[in-house]
Amino acid sequence: MSISHHHTASGKPLRVAPAWVGGAGDGSRDHLPVREAVWIWSVRRYARLALWALPASAVLSGWATLGVATPPGPLVIQLGAAWLSLIAMIALAGLLSGTRNRRSALAGLLVGLAAFLTAVPLAALPDDTVAAGAPLTVSQLRLVEVGAAAATGLGWLLLGWAVFRCKLVNPADGVLLMLAAVAIGAGTHARQPLPTVGALLLVAAGTGLAWTGGRLIPRH
């Protein structure tokens, strides 16, 4: 399979190796097997659609920081934002898997997964309380909550660095993502307007990544 030519967000031609798109990489002109072509198309379609979960999660996070009363309640909004954020992490790591910064993207995804699994059980607990039979004290539980928020911010920081260095999409989106990671890492302990500003930065970064990612990954 010959090397494919696409364009980055800046308009420069992008050279994609055959191995990145599923080819054997040996310079042969043979077509891909049908099962591999279907699998690649499915991954492309998932990544193109799932990247839009990032601005959607940022909108929910920003809405939660405003303290406006909503019928579902703040817990539902926060859990929905965390779920969409996890989907976006997986999609972004998949988009960057063919770049030279795939290790940073993978590390960011793994750290984000660990933070998500830690933070979700704590989200339903009221402040300064522990579950019955929990082996942790209130102060220890607070440290775990701070660590989970910091790990979430670290995960987005690594993904933002990978976006900035990959030369696949607009590097400005990586800068915005790293700036938003600071507010995300501060968690609920940050004072206004830092959480709201962080959510706005994440909306801008997520929209840019979803738009350019959809252009880089063809529909067919």
N, C-alpha and C. Protein backbone atom coordinates (compact mmCIF):
# COMPACT_ATOMS: atom_id res chain seq x y z
N MET A 1 0.85 -1.19 0.00
CA MET A 1 0.00 0.00 0.00
C MET A 1 0.88 1.23 0.00
N SER A 2 0.64 2.18 -0.85
CA SER A 2 1.44 3.38 -0.92
C SER A 2 1.10 4.30 0.24
N ILE A 3 2.01 5.25 0.49
CA ILE A 3 1.82 6.17 1.60
C ILE A 3 0.69 7.14 1.26
N SER A 4 -0.21 7.34 2.22
CA SER A 4 -1.36 8.21 2.00
C SER A 4 -0.99 9.65 2.34
N HIS A 5 -1.64 10.60 1.70
CA HIS A 5 -1.40 12.01 1.95
C HIS A 5 -2.69 12.65 2.44
N HIS A 6 -2.63 13.24 3.63
CA HIS A 6 -3.75 13.97 4.18
C HIS A 6 -3.23 15.36 4.53
N HIS A 7 -4.03 16.16 5.15
CA HIS A 7 -3.63 17.51 5.53
C HIS A 7 -3.89 17.71 7.00
N THR A 8 -2.94 18.39 7.66
CA THR A 8 -3.12 18.74 9.06
C THR A 8 -4.02 19.95 9.16
N ALA A 9 -4.27 20.40 10.41
CA ALA A 9 -5.13 21.55 10.62
C ALA A 9 -4.52 22.82 10.03
N SER A 10 -3.18 22.89 9.92
CA SER A 10 -2.53 24.06 9.35
C SER A 10 -2.48 24.04 7.83
N GLY A 11 -2.96 22.97 7.20
CA GLY A 11 -2.97 22.87 5.74
C GLY A 11 -1.77 22.18 5.16
N LYS A 12 -0.80 21.80 6.00
CA LYS A 12 0.38 21.12 5.49
C LYS A 12 0.07 19.66 5.20
N PRO A 13 0.71 19.07 4.18
CA PRO A 13 0.46 17.66 3.90
C PRO A 13 0.95 16.76 5.02
N LEU A 14 0.16 15.76 5.34
CA LEU A 14 0.48 14.82 6.40
C LEU A 14 0.79 13.47 5.78
N ARG A 15 1.96 12.95 6.08
CA ARG A 15 2.38 11.65 5.57
C ARG A 15 2.07 10.59 6.62
N VAL A 16 1.27 9.65 6.26
CA VAL A 16 0.83 8.60 7.17
C VAL A 16 1.42 7.28 6.70
N ALA A 17 2.16 6.62 7.57
CA ALA A 17 2.80 5.37 7.19
C ALA A 17 1.77 4.29 6.96
N PRO A 18 2.05 3.31 6.09
CA PRO A 18 1.09 2.22 5.84
C PRO A 18 0.75 1.44 7.10
N ALA A 19 1.73 1.29 8.01
CA ALA A 19 1.45 0.53 9.22
C ALA A 19 0.41 1.23 10.09
N TRP A 20 0.33 2.57 10.00
CA TRP A 20 -0.62 3.31 10.82
C TRP A 20 -2.05 3.04 10.39
N VAL A 21 -2.25 2.86 9.09
CA VAL A 21 -3.60 2.62 8.60
C VAL A 21 -3.92 1.14 8.45
N GLY A 22 -3.02 0.29 8.96
CA GLY A 22 -3.33 -1.13 8.98
C GLY A 22 -2.63 -1.94 7.91
N GLY A 23 -1.80 -1.31 7.09
CA GLY A 23 -1.09 -2.05 6.06
C GLY A 23 0.07 -2.82 6.63
N ALA A 24 0.66 -3.67 5.79
CA ALA A 24 1.76 -4.48 6.25
C ALA A 24 3.05 -3.69 6.37
N GLY A 25 3.16 -2.58 5.64
CA GLY A 25 4.33 -1.76 5.71
C GLY A 25 5.50 -2.29 4.92
N ASP A 26 5.28 -3.27 4.03
CA ASP A 26 6.37 -3.86 3.27
C ASP A 26 6.42 -3.34 1.84
N GLY A 27 5.60 -2.31 1.52
CA GLY A 27 5.63 -1.74 0.19
C GLY A 27 4.82 -2.51 -0.83
N SER A 28 4.09 -3.51 -0.43
CA SER A 28 3.29 -4.28 -1.37
C SER A 28 2.07 -3.50 -1.80
N ARG A 29 1.51 -3.85 -2.95
CA ARG A 29 0.35 -3.16 -3.51
C ARG A 29 -0.95 -3.91 -3.24
N ASP A 30 -0.89 -4.94 -2.40
CA ASP A 30 -2.08 -5.75 -2.15
C ASP A 30 -3.06 -4.96 -1.31
N HIS A 31 -4.34 -5.26 -1.52
CA HIS A 31 -5.39 -4.62 -0.76
C HIS A 31 -5.51 -5.29 0.61
N LEU A 32 -6.10 -4.57 1.56
CA LEU A 32 -6.32 -5.12 2.89
C LEU A 32 -7.40 -6.19 2.84
N PRO A 33 -7.29 -7.21 3.71
CA PRO A 33 -8.41 -8.15 3.83
C PRO A 33 -9.67 -7.43 4.27
N VAL A 34 -10.81 -7.98 3.91
CA VAL A 34 -12.09 -7.33 4.19
C VAL A 34 -12.28 -7.13 5.68
N ARG A 35 -11.93 -8.13 6.49
CA ARG A 35 -12.16 -8.02 7.94
C ARG A 35 -11.31 -6.90 8.55
N GLU A 36 -10.09 -6.70 8.04
CA GLU A 36 -9.26 -5.62 8.56
C GLU A 36 -9.78 -4.26 8.11
N ALA A 37 -10.26 -4.18 6.88
CA ALA A 37 -10.81 -2.92 6.39
C ALA A 37 -12.05 -2.52 7.18
N VAL A 38 -12.90 -3.49 7.49
CA VAL A 38 -14.10 -3.21 8.28
C VAL A 38 -13.72 -2.77 9.69
N TRP A 39 -12.71 -3.41 10.27
CA TRP A 39 -12.27 -3.04 11.61
C TRP A 39 -11.72 -1.62 11.65
N ILE A 40 -10.88 -1.27 10.67
CA ILE A 40 -10.30 0.07 10.61
C ILE A 40 -11.40 1.11 10.43
N TRP A 41 -12.36 0.83 9.56
CA TRP A 41 -13.45 1.77 9.35
C TRP A 41 -14.26 1.97 10.63
N SER A 42 -14.47 0.91 11.40
CA SER A 42 -15.21 1.02 12.65
C SER A 42 -14.46 1.88 13.66
N VAL A 43 -13.15 1.69 13.76
CA VAL A 43 -12.35 2.49 14.69
C VAL A 43 -12.37 3.96 14.28
N ARG A 44 -12.25 4.22 12.98
CA ARG A 44 -12.30 5.60 12.50
C ARG A 44 -13.64 6.25 12.83
N ARG A 45 -14.70 5.52 12.61
CA ARG A 45 -16.03 6.07 12.87
C ARG A 45 -16.22 6.35 14.36
N TYR A 46 -15.76 5.44 15.20
CA TYR A 46 -15.87 5.65 16.65
C TYR A 46 -15.09 6.89 17.08
N ALA A 47 -13.84 7.00 16.62
CA ALA A 47 -13.01 8.14 17.03
C ALA A 47 -13.61 9.45 16.57
N ARG A 48 -14.15 9.47 15.34
CA ARG A 48 -14.72 10.71 14.81
C ARG A 48 -15.91 11.17 15.64
N LEU A 49 -16.74 10.24 16.06
CA LEU A 49 -17.93 10.60 16.82
C LEU A 49 -17.63 10.82 18.30
N ALA A 50 -16.77 9.99 18.86
CA ALA A 50 -16.53 10.04 20.31
C ALA A 50 -15.75 11.26 20.73
N LEU A 51 -15.01 11.90 19.84
CA LEU A 51 -14.28 13.11 20.20
C LEU A 51 -15.23 14.24 20.61
N TRP A 52 -16.46 14.22 20.11
CA TRP A 52 -17.42 15.25 20.48
C TRP A 52 -17.88 15.09 21.93
N ALA A 53 -17.53 13.99 22.58
CA ALA A 53 -17.86 13.84 23.99
C ALA A 53 -17.06 14.80 24.86
N LEU A 54 -15.90 15.26 24.36
CA LEU A 54 -15.07 16.16 25.16
C LEU A 54 -15.74 17.53 25.36
N PRO A 55 -16.16 18.23 24.30
CA PRO A 55 -16.87 19.49 24.58
C PRO A 55 -18.18 19.29 25.32
N ALA A 56 -18.85 18.15 25.10
CA ALA A 56 -20.10 17.90 25.83
C ALA A 56 -19.84 17.75 27.32
N SER A 57 -18.77 17.03 27.68
CA SER A 57 -18.44 16.88 29.10
C SER A 57 -18.02 18.21 29.71
N ALA A 58 -17.33 19.04 28.92
CA ALA A 58 -16.91 20.35 29.42
C ALA A 58 -18.11 21.25 29.69
N VAL A 59 -19.12 21.17 28.83
CA VAL A 59 -20.34 21.97 29.04
C VAL A 59 -21.02 21.55 30.34
N LEU A 60 -21.12 20.24 30.58
CA LEU A 60 -21.74 19.78 31.82
C LEU A 60 -20.91 20.18 33.04
N SER A 61 -19.59 20.07 32.92
CA SER A 61 -18.73 20.47 34.04
C SER A 61 -18.87 21.96 34.33
N GLY A 62 -18.90 22.77 33.27
CA GLY A 62 -19.07 24.20 33.47
C GLY A 62 -20.41 24.55 34.08
N TRP A 63 -21.44 23.84 33.66
CA TRP A 63 -22.77 24.07 34.24
C TRP A 63 -22.79 23.73 35.73
N ALA A 64 -22.08 22.67 36.11
CA ALA A 64 -22.04 22.28 37.51
C ALA A 64 -21.29 23.30 38.36
N THR A 65 -20.29 23.98 37.78
CA THR A 65 -19.54 24.96 38.55
C THR A 65 -20.33 26.23 38.83
N LEU A 66 -21.39 26.48 38.07
CA LEU A 66 -22.17 27.70 38.26
C LEU A 66 -23.12 27.60 39.45
N GLY A 67 -23.37 26.38 39.92
CA GLY A 67 -24.24 26.21 41.08
C GLY A 67 -25.71 26.44 40.80
N VAL A 68 -26.11 26.34 39.53
CA VAL A 68 -27.51 26.53 39.17
C VAL A 68 -28.29 25.25 39.46
N ALA A 69 -29.43 25.39 40.12
CA ALA A 69 -30.25 24.22 40.45
C ALA A 69 -30.85 23.63 39.17
N THR A 70 -30.70 22.32 39.00
CA THR A 70 -31.23 21.61 37.84
C THR A 70 -32.05 20.42 38.32
N PRO A 71 -33.07 20.01 37.55
CA PRO A 71 -33.91 18.88 37.98
C PRO A 71 -33.16 17.59 38.24
N PRO A 72 -32.16 17.19 37.39
CA PRO A 72 -31.48 15.92 37.70
C PRO A 72 -30.64 15.97 38.96
N GLY A 73 -30.21 17.15 39.36
CA GLY A 73 -29.35 17.26 40.53
C GLY A 73 -27.89 17.34 40.13
N PRO A 74 -27.04 17.93 40.98
CA PRO A 74 -25.62 18.09 40.64
C PRO A 74 -24.87 16.77 40.50
N LEU A 75 -25.29 15.75 41.25
CA LEU A 75 -24.58 14.47 41.18
C LEU A 75 -24.72 13.85 39.80
N VAL A 76 -25.93 13.88 39.24
CA VAL A 76 -26.15 13.30 37.92
C VAL A 76 -25.33 14.04 36.86
N ILE A 77 -25.27 15.36 36.98
CA ILE A 77 -24.51 16.16 36.01
C ILE A 77 -23.03 15.85 36.13
N GLN A 78 -22.53 15.75 37.34
CA GLN A 78 -21.11 15.46 37.53
C GLN A 78 -20.75 14.07 37.02
N LEU A 79 -21.59 13.09 37.29
CA LEU A 79 -21.32 11.74 36.79
C LEU A 79 -21.40 11.69 35.27
N GLY A 80 -22.37 12.40 34.67
CA GLY A 80 -22.45 12.45 33.22
C GLY A 80 -21.22 13.10 32.60
N ALA A 81 -20.74 14.17 33.23
CA ALA A 81 -19.54 14.84 32.73
C ALA A 81 -18.33 13.92 32.83
N ALA A 82 -18.20 13.18 33.94
CA ALA A 82 -17.07 12.26 34.10
C ALA A 82 -17.14 11.13 33.09
N TRP A 83 -18.33 10.61 32.83
CA TRP A 83 -18.48 9.52 31.86
C TRP A 83 -18.13 9.98 30.45
N LEU A 84 -18.62 11.14 30.05
CA LEU A 84 -18.29 11.67 28.73
C LEU A 84 -16.80 12.00 28.62
N SER A 85 -16.23 12.47 29.71
CA SER A 85 -14.79 12.77 29.71
C SER A 85 -13.97 11.51 29.50
N LEU A 86 -14.39 10.40 30.10
CA LEU A 86 -13.67 9.14 29.92
C LEU A 86 -13.77 8.66 28.48
N ILE A 87 -14.95 8.79 27.88
CA ILE A 87 -15.11 8.41 26.47
C ILE A 87 -14.19 9.25 25.58
N ALA A 88 -14.12 10.55 25.88
CA ALA A 88 -13.25 11.43 25.09
C ALA A 88 -11.79 11.07 25.26
N MET A 89 -11.38 10.67 26.45
CA MET A 89 -9.99 10.26 26.66
C MET A 89 -9.64 9.05 25.79
N ILE A 90 -10.55 8.08 25.75
CA ILE A 90 -10.30 6.88 24.95
C ILE A 90 -10.22 7.24 23.47
N ALA A 91 -11.13 8.10 23.01
CA ALA A 91 -11.11 8.49 21.61
C ALA A 91 -9.87 9.28 21.25
N LEU A 92 -9.44 10.20 22.12
CA LEU A 92 -8.27 11.00 21.84
C LEU A 92 -7.00 10.15 21.85
N ALA A 93 -6.91 9.21 22.79
CA ALA A 93 -5.77 8.31 22.80
C ALA A 93 -5.73 7.44 21.55
N GLY A 94 -6.91 7.03 21.06
CA GLY A 94 -6.96 6.27 19.82
C GLY A 94 -6.53 7.08 18.63
N LEU A 95 -6.92 8.37 18.61
CA LEU A 95 -6.52 9.24 17.50
C LEU A 95 -5.02 9.44 17.48
N LEU A 96 -4.40 9.50 18.66
CA LEU A 96 -2.96 9.75 18.75
C LEU A 96 -2.13 8.48 18.75
N SER A 97 -2.77 7.33 18.62
CA SER A 97 -2.03 6.06 18.70
C SER A 97 -1.07 5.87 17.55
N GLY A 98 -1.28 6.56 16.44
CA GLY A 98 -0.38 6.42 15.31
C GLY A 98 0.68 7.50 15.22
N THR A 99 0.81 8.33 16.26
CA THR A 99 1.78 9.41 16.24
C THR A 99 2.99 9.04 17.09
N ARG A 100 4.00 9.91 17.04
CA ARG A 100 5.21 9.63 17.82
C ARG A 100 5.01 9.86 19.31
N ASN A 101 3.94 10.52 19.70
CA ASN A 101 3.64 10.78 21.11
C ASN A 101 2.59 9.85 21.66
N ARG A 102 2.48 8.67 21.09
CA ARG A 102 1.47 7.72 21.54
C ARG A 102 1.73 7.25 22.98
N ARG A 103 2.99 7.24 23.42
CA ARG A 103 3.27 6.81 24.80
C ARG A 103 2.71 7.81 25.80
N SER A 104 2.85 9.09 25.51
CA SER A 104 2.27 10.10 26.40
C SER A 104 0.75 10.00 26.42
N ALA A 105 0.17 9.76 25.24
CA ALA A 105 -1.29 9.63 25.16
C ALA A 105 -1.76 8.40 25.93
N LEU A 106 -1.04 7.29 25.80
CA LEU A 106 -1.42 6.08 26.53
C LEU A 106 -1.28 6.27 28.03
N ALA A 107 -0.20 6.94 28.46
CA ALA A 107 -0.02 7.21 29.88
C ALA A 107 -1.14 8.10 30.41
N GLY A 108 -1.53 9.11 29.64
CA GLY A 108 -2.63 9.96 30.06
C GLY A 108 -3.94 9.21 30.18
N LEU A 109 -4.18 8.28 29.24
CA LEU A 109 -5.40 7.47 29.31
C LEU A 109 -5.41 6.57 30.54
N LEU A 110 -4.29 5.92 30.83
CA LEU A 110 -4.23 5.02 31.98
C LEU A 110 -4.39 5.77 33.30
N VAL A 111 -3.75 6.94 33.39
CA VAL A 111 -3.90 7.75 34.61
C VAL A 111 -5.34 8.24 34.74
N GLY A 112 -5.96 8.65 33.63
CA GLY A 112 -7.34 9.08 33.67
C GLY A 112 -8.30 7.97 34.06
N LEU A 113 -8.05 6.75 33.58
CA LEU A 113 -8.89 5.62 33.97
C LEU A 113 -8.79 5.34 35.46
N ALA A 114 -7.56 5.37 35.99
CA ALA A 114 -7.38 5.15 37.43
C ALA A 114 -8.09 6.22 38.25
N ALA A 115 -8.00 7.47 37.80
CA ALA A 115 -8.67 8.56 38.51
C ALA A 115 -10.18 8.41 38.46
N PHE A 116 -10.71 8.00 37.31
CA PHE A 116 -12.15 7.81 37.17
C PHE A 116 -12.66 6.72 38.10
N LEU A 117 -11.96 5.60 38.17
CA LEU A 117 -12.38 4.50 39.04
C LEU A 117 -12.30 4.87 40.51
N THR A 118 -11.40 5.79 40.84
CA THR A 118 -11.27 6.22 42.23
C THR A 118 -12.30 7.27 42.60
N ALA A 119 -12.59 8.19 41.67
CA ALA A 119 -13.45 9.32 42.00
C ALA A 119 -14.93 8.97 42.00
N VAL A 120 -15.35 8.06 41.13
CA VAL A 120 -16.78 7.76 41.01
C VAL A 120 -17.38 7.23 42.32
N PRO A 121 -16.75 6.28 43.04
CA PRO A 121 -17.36 5.84 44.30
C PRO A 121 -17.45 6.93 45.36
N LEU A 122 -16.59 7.95 45.25
CA LEU A 122 -16.60 9.02 46.25
C LEU A 122 -17.59 10.13 45.93
N ALA A 123 -18.09 10.16 44.71
CA ALA A 123 -18.94 11.27 44.29
C ALA A 123 -20.27 11.30 45.04
N ALA A 124 -20.80 10.14 45.41
CA ALA A 124 -22.11 10.09 46.06
C ALA A 124 -22.05 10.33 47.56
N LEU A 125 -20.84 10.38 48.14
CA LEU A 125 -20.73 10.56 49.58
C LEU A 125 -20.87 12.04 49.94
N PRO A 126 -21.64 12.36 50.97
CA PRO A 126 -21.68 13.76 51.43
C PRO A 126 -20.32 14.19 51.98
N ASP A 127 -20.16 15.49 52.09
CA ASP A 127 -18.89 16.02 52.59
C ASP A 127 -18.66 15.59 54.04
N ASP A 128 -17.38 15.29 54.34
CA ASP A 128 -16.93 14.94 55.70
C ASP A 128 -17.66 13.72 56.26
N THR A 129 -17.98 12.75 55.38
CA THR A 129 -18.59 11.50 55.81
C THR A 129 -17.89 10.34 55.12
N VAL A 130 -18.00 9.17 55.74
CA VAL A 130 -17.45 7.96 55.15
C VAL A 130 -18.55 6.91 55.12
N ALA A 131 -18.40 5.95 54.21
CA ALA A 131 -19.37 4.87 54.13
C ALA A 131 -19.24 3.94 55.33
N ALA A 132 -20.33 3.27 55.67
CA ALA A 132 -20.32 2.35 56.79
C ALA A 132 -19.35 1.20 56.51
N GLY A 133 -18.48 0.94 57.47
CA GLY A 133 -17.51 -0.13 57.32
C GLY A 133 -16.30 0.23 56.49
N ALA A 134 -16.16 1.50 56.10
CA ALA A 134 -15.02 1.92 55.29
C ALA A 134 -13.75 1.89 56.14
N PRO A 135 -12.65 1.42 55.58
CA PRO A 135 -11.40 1.37 56.36
C PRO A 135 -10.69 2.71 56.46
N LEU A 136 -11.19 3.75 55.81
CA LEU A 136 -10.54 5.04 55.79
C LEU A 136 -11.27 6.02 56.71
N THR A 137 -10.51 6.93 57.26
CA THR A 137 -11.08 8.01 58.05
C THR A 137 -11.51 9.15 57.13
N VAL A 138 -12.13 10.18 57.72
CA VAL A 138 -12.58 11.30 56.92
C VAL A 138 -11.40 12.04 56.29
N SER A 139 -10.34 12.24 57.06
CA SER A 139 -9.16 12.93 56.53
C SER A 139 -8.48 12.12 55.44
N GLN A 140 -8.41 10.81 55.63
CA GLN A 140 -7.81 9.96 54.59
C GLN A 140 -8.65 9.95 53.33
N LEU A 141 -9.96 9.94 53.51
CA LEU A 141 -10.86 9.97 52.35
C LEU A 141 -10.73 11.29 51.59
N ARG A 142 -10.49 12.37 52.30
CA ARG A 142 -10.30 13.66 51.65
C ARG A 142 -9.00 13.66 50.83
N LEU A 143 -7.97 13.01 51.35
CA LEU A 143 -6.73 12.91 50.60
C LEU A 143 -6.91 12.07 49.33
N VAL A 144 -7.71 11.02 49.43
CA VAL A 144 -7.98 10.20 48.25
C VAL A 144 -8.73 11.02 47.20
N GLU A 145 -9.67 11.84 47.64
CA GLU A 145 -10.43 12.68 46.72
C GLU A 145 -9.52 13.69 46.03
N VAL A 146 -8.62 14.31 46.79
CA VAL A 146 -7.67 15.26 46.21
C VAL A 146 -6.74 14.55 45.22
N GLY A 147 -6.30 13.35 45.60
CA GLY A 147 -5.43 12.58 44.69
C GLY A 147 -6.13 12.20 43.40
N ALA A 148 -7.42 11.85 43.48
CA ALA A 148 -8.16 11.49 42.27
C ALA A 148 -8.31 12.69 41.34
N ALA A 149 -8.59 13.88 41.91
CA ALA A 149 -8.71 15.09 41.09
C ALA A 149 -7.37 15.44 40.45
N ALA A 150 -6.29 15.31 41.23
CA ALA A 150 -4.97 15.59 40.69
C ALA A 150 -4.60 14.60 39.58
N ALA A 151 -4.98 13.34 39.75
CA ALA A 151 -4.69 12.34 38.72
C ALA A 151 -5.48 12.62 37.45
N THR A 152 -6.72 13.08 37.59
CA THR A 152 -7.50 13.45 36.41
C THR A 152 -6.84 14.59 35.65
N GLY A 153 -6.40 15.60 36.40
CA GLY A 153 -5.70 16.70 35.76
C GLY A 153 -4.40 16.25 35.10
N LEU A 154 -3.67 15.33 35.75
CA LEU A 154 -2.43 14.82 35.16
C LEU A 154 -2.71 14.06 33.88
N GLY A 155 -3.79 13.28 33.86
CA GLY A 155 -4.14 12.55 32.65
C GLY A 155 -4.40 13.48 31.48
N TRP A 156 -5.17 14.56 31.72
CA TRP A 156 -5.43 15.53 30.65
C TRP A 156 -4.18 16.31 30.29
N LEU A 157 -3.30 16.52 31.26
CA LEU A 157 -2.05 17.21 30.97
C LEU A 157 -1.18 16.39 30.02
N LEU A 158 -1.09 15.09 30.25
CA LEU A 158 -0.32 14.22 29.37
C LEU A 158 -0.96 14.14 27.98
N LEU A 159 -2.27 14.07 27.93
CA LEU A 159 -2.95 14.04 26.63
C LEU A 159 -2.77 15.37 25.89
N GLY A 160 -2.83 16.48 26.64
CA GLY A 160 -2.61 17.77 26.02
C GLY A 160 -1.20 17.92 25.48
N TRP A 161 -0.22 17.40 26.21
CA TRP A 161 1.16 17.41 25.74
C TRP A 161 1.31 16.58 24.47
N ALA A 162 0.65 15.44 24.44
CA ALA A 162 0.70 14.60 23.24
C ALA A 162 0.06 15.30 22.05
N VAL A 163 -1.05 16.01 22.29
CA VAL A 163 -1.68 16.76 21.21
C VAL A 163 -0.76 17.87 20.71
N PHE A 164 -0.11 18.55 21.64
CA PHE A 164 0.77 19.66 21.28
C PHE A 164 1.97 19.20 20.46
N ARG A 165 2.46 18.00 20.73
CA ARG A 165 3.69 17.52 20.09
C ARG A 165 3.45 16.63 18.88
N CYS A 166 2.22 16.21 18.64
CA CYS A 166 1.99 15.18 17.63
C CYS A 166 2.06 15.70 16.20
N LYS A 167 1.83 16.99 15.97
CA LYS A 167 1.82 17.59 14.64
C LYS A 167 0.73 16.98 13.74
N LEU A 168 -0.29 16.46 14.37
CA LEU A 168 -1.41 15.88 13.63
C LEU A 168 -2.60 16.82 13.61
N VAL A 169 -2.84 17.50 14.72
CA VAL A 169 -3.92 18.47 14.83
C VAL A 169 -3.33 19.81 15.25
N ASN A 170 -4.19 20.78 15.45
CA ASN A 170 -3.73 22.11 15.82
C ASN A 170 -3.05 22.08 17.19
N PRO A 171 -1.77 22.48 17.30
CA PRO A 171 -1.11 22.44 18.61
C PRO A 171 -1.73 23.38 19.63
N ALA A 172 -2.45 24.41 19.18
CA ALA A 172 -3.11 25.32 20.12
C ALA A 172 -4.15 24.58 20.97
N ASP A 173 -4.78 23.54 20.39
CA ASP A 173 -5.73 22.75 21.17
C ASP A 173 -5.02 22.02 22.31
N GLY A 174 -3.79 21.60 22.07
CA GLY A 174 -3.01 20.97 23.14
C GLY A 174 -2.69 21.93 24.26
N VAL A 175 -2.37 23.18 23.91
CA VAL A 175 -2.09 24.20 24.92
C VAL A 175 -3.35 24.47 25.75
N LEU A 176 -4.49 24.61 25.08
CA LEU A 176 -5.75 24.83 25.80
C LEU A 176 -6.07 23.66 26.72
N LEU A 177 -5.79 22.46 26.24
CA LEU A 177 -6.07 21.27 27.04
C LEU A 177 -5.18 21.22 28.27
N MET A 178 -3.93 21.60 28.14
CA MET A 178 -3.03 21.61 29.29
C MET A 178 -3.42 22.70 30.29
N LEU A 179 -3.87 23.86 29.79
CA LEU A 179 -4.33 24.90 30.70
C LEU A 179 -5.59 24.46 31.44
N ALA A 180 -6.50 23.79 30.73
CA ALA A 180 -7.71 23.29 31.38
C ALA A 180 -7.38 22.22 32.41
N ALA A 181 -6.31 21.46 32.18
CA ALA A 181 -5.93 20.40 33.11
C ALA A 181 -5.57 20.95 34.48
N VAL A 182 -5.07 22.19 34.53
CA VAL A 182 -4.75 22.80 35.82
C VAL A 182 -6.01 22.98 36.66
N ALA A 183 -7.06 23.51 36.04
CA ALA A 183 -8.33 23.69 36.74
C ALA A 183 -8.96 22.35 37.10
N ILE A 184 -8.84 21.37 36.20
CA ILE A 184 -9.41 20.05 36.47
C ILE A 184 -8.68 19.40 37.64
N GLY A 185 -7.36 19.55 37.69
CA GLY A 185 -6.59 18.96 38.78
C GLY A 185 -6.88 19.58 40.13
N ALA A 186 -7.28 20.86 40.13
CA ALA A 186 -7.64 21.51 41.39
C ALA A 186 -8.93 20.96 41.97
N GLY A 187 -9.80 20.43 41.10
CA GLY A 187 -11.03 19.80 41.56
C GLY A 187 -11.98 20.77 42.24
N THR A 188 -12.68 20.27 43.23
CA THR A 188 -13.66 21.09 43.94
C THR A 188 -13.01 22.08 44.91
N HIS A 189 -11.70 21.97 45.12
CA HIS A 189 -11.02 22.85 46.05
C HIS A 189 -10.62 24.18 45.41
N ALA A 190 -10.78 24.28 44.09
CA ALA A 190 -10.44 25.52 43.41
C ALA A 190 -11.52 26.57 43.64
N ARG A 191 -11.11 27.81 43.73
CA ARG A 191 -12.06 28.90 43.92
C ARG A 191 -12.50 29.45 42.57
N GLN A 192 -13.70 29.99 42.58
CA GLN A 192 -14.20 30.64 41.36
C GLN A 192 -13.35 31.88 41.07
N PRO A 193 -13.13 32.20 39.79
CA PRO A 193 -13.75 31.57 38.61
C PRO A 193 -12.90 30.49 37.95
N LEU A 194 -11.90 29.92 38.67
CA LEU A 194 -10.99 28.96 38.04
C LEU A 194 -11.72 27.74 37.47
N PRO A 195 -12.67 27.10 38.19
CA PRO A 195 -13.35 25.95 37.59
C PRO A 195 -14.14 26.30 36.33
N THR A 196 -14.80 27.45 36.34
CA THR A 196 -15.58 27.85 35.16
C THR A 196 -14.66 28.17 33.99
N VAL A 197 -13.56 28.88 34.26
CA VAL A 197 -12.60 29.19 33.20
C VAL A 197 -12.00 27.90 32.64
N GLY A 198 -11.69 26.95 33.51
CA GLY A 198 -11.17 25.68 33.04
C GLY A 198 -12.15 24.94 32.16
N ALA A 199 -13.44 25.00 32.51
CA ALA A 199 -14.46 24.36 31.67
C ALA A 199 -14.56 25.03 30.31
N LEU A 200 -14.45 26.36 30.28
CA LEU A 200 -14.49 27.07 29.00
C LEU A 200 -13.28 26.72 28.13
N LEU A 201 -12.11 26.61 28.74
CA LEU A 201 -10.92 26.20 27.99
C LEU A 201 -11.08 24.79 27.44
N LEU A 202 -11.72 23.91 28.23
CA LEU A 202 -11.93 22.53 27.78
C LEU A 202 -12.94 22.48 26.65
N VAL A 203 -13.94 23.36 26.68
CA VAL A 203 -14.90 23.43 25.57
C VAL A 203 -14.18 23.83 24.29
N ALA A 204 -13.32 24.86 24.38
CA ALA A 204 -12.59 25.32 23.20
C ALA A 204 -11.66 24.24 22.66
N ALA A 205 -10.91 23.60 23.56
CA ALA A 205 -9.98 22.55 23.13
C ALA A 205 -10.73 21.36 22.55
N GLY A 206 -11.81 20.95 23.21
CA GLY A 206 -12.56 19.79 22.73
C GLY A 206 -13.23 20.03 21.40
N THR A 207 -13.77 21.23 21.20
CA THR A 207 -14.40 21.54 19.92
C THR A 207 -13.38 21.54 18.79
N GLY A 208 -12.21 22.13 19.05
CA GLY A 208 -11.16 22.14 18.03
C GLY A 208 -10.67 20.74 17.70
N LEU A 209 -10.48 19.91 18.70
CA LEU A 209 -10.00 18.55 18.46
C LEU A 209 -11.05 17.72 17.72
N ALA A 210 -12.32 17.86 18.11
CA ALA A 210 -13.37 17.10 17.44
C ALA A 210 -13.52 17.53 15.98
N TRP A 211 -13.39 18.82 15.72
CA TRP A 211 -13.53 19.32 14.35
C TRP A 211 -12.37 18.87 13.46
N THR A 212 -11.14 19.09 13.92
CA THR A 212 -9.98 18.69 13.11
C THR A 212 -9.85 17.17 13.05
N GLY A 213 -10.22 16.48 14.13
CA GLY A 213 -10.17 15.02 14.09
C GLY A 213 -11.13 14.44 13.08
N GLY A 214 -12.31 15.05 12.95
CA GLY A 214 -13.26 14.60 11.95
C GLY A 214 -12.77 14.83 10.53
N ARG A 215 -11.97 15.87 10.33
CA ARG A 215 -11.42 16.15 9.00
C ARG A 215 -10.28 15.21 8.66
N LEU A 216 -9.49 14.83 9.68
CA LEU A 216 -8.35 13.95 9.41
C LEU A 216 -8.77 12.52 9.15
N ILE A 217 -9.89 12.10 9.76
CA ILE A 217 -10.34 10.72 9.62
C ILE A 217 -11.46 10.68 8.61
N PRO A 218 -11.24 10.13 7.42
CA PRO A 218 -12.27 10.17 6.40
C PRO A 218 -13.49 9.35 6.78
N ARG A 219 -14.61 9.71 6.19
CA ARG A 219 -15.87 9.01 6.48
C ARG A 219 -15.93 7.66 5.82
N HIS A 220 -15.20 7.45 4.74
CA HIS A 220 -15.26 6.18 4.03
C HIS A 220 -13.85 5.66 3.85
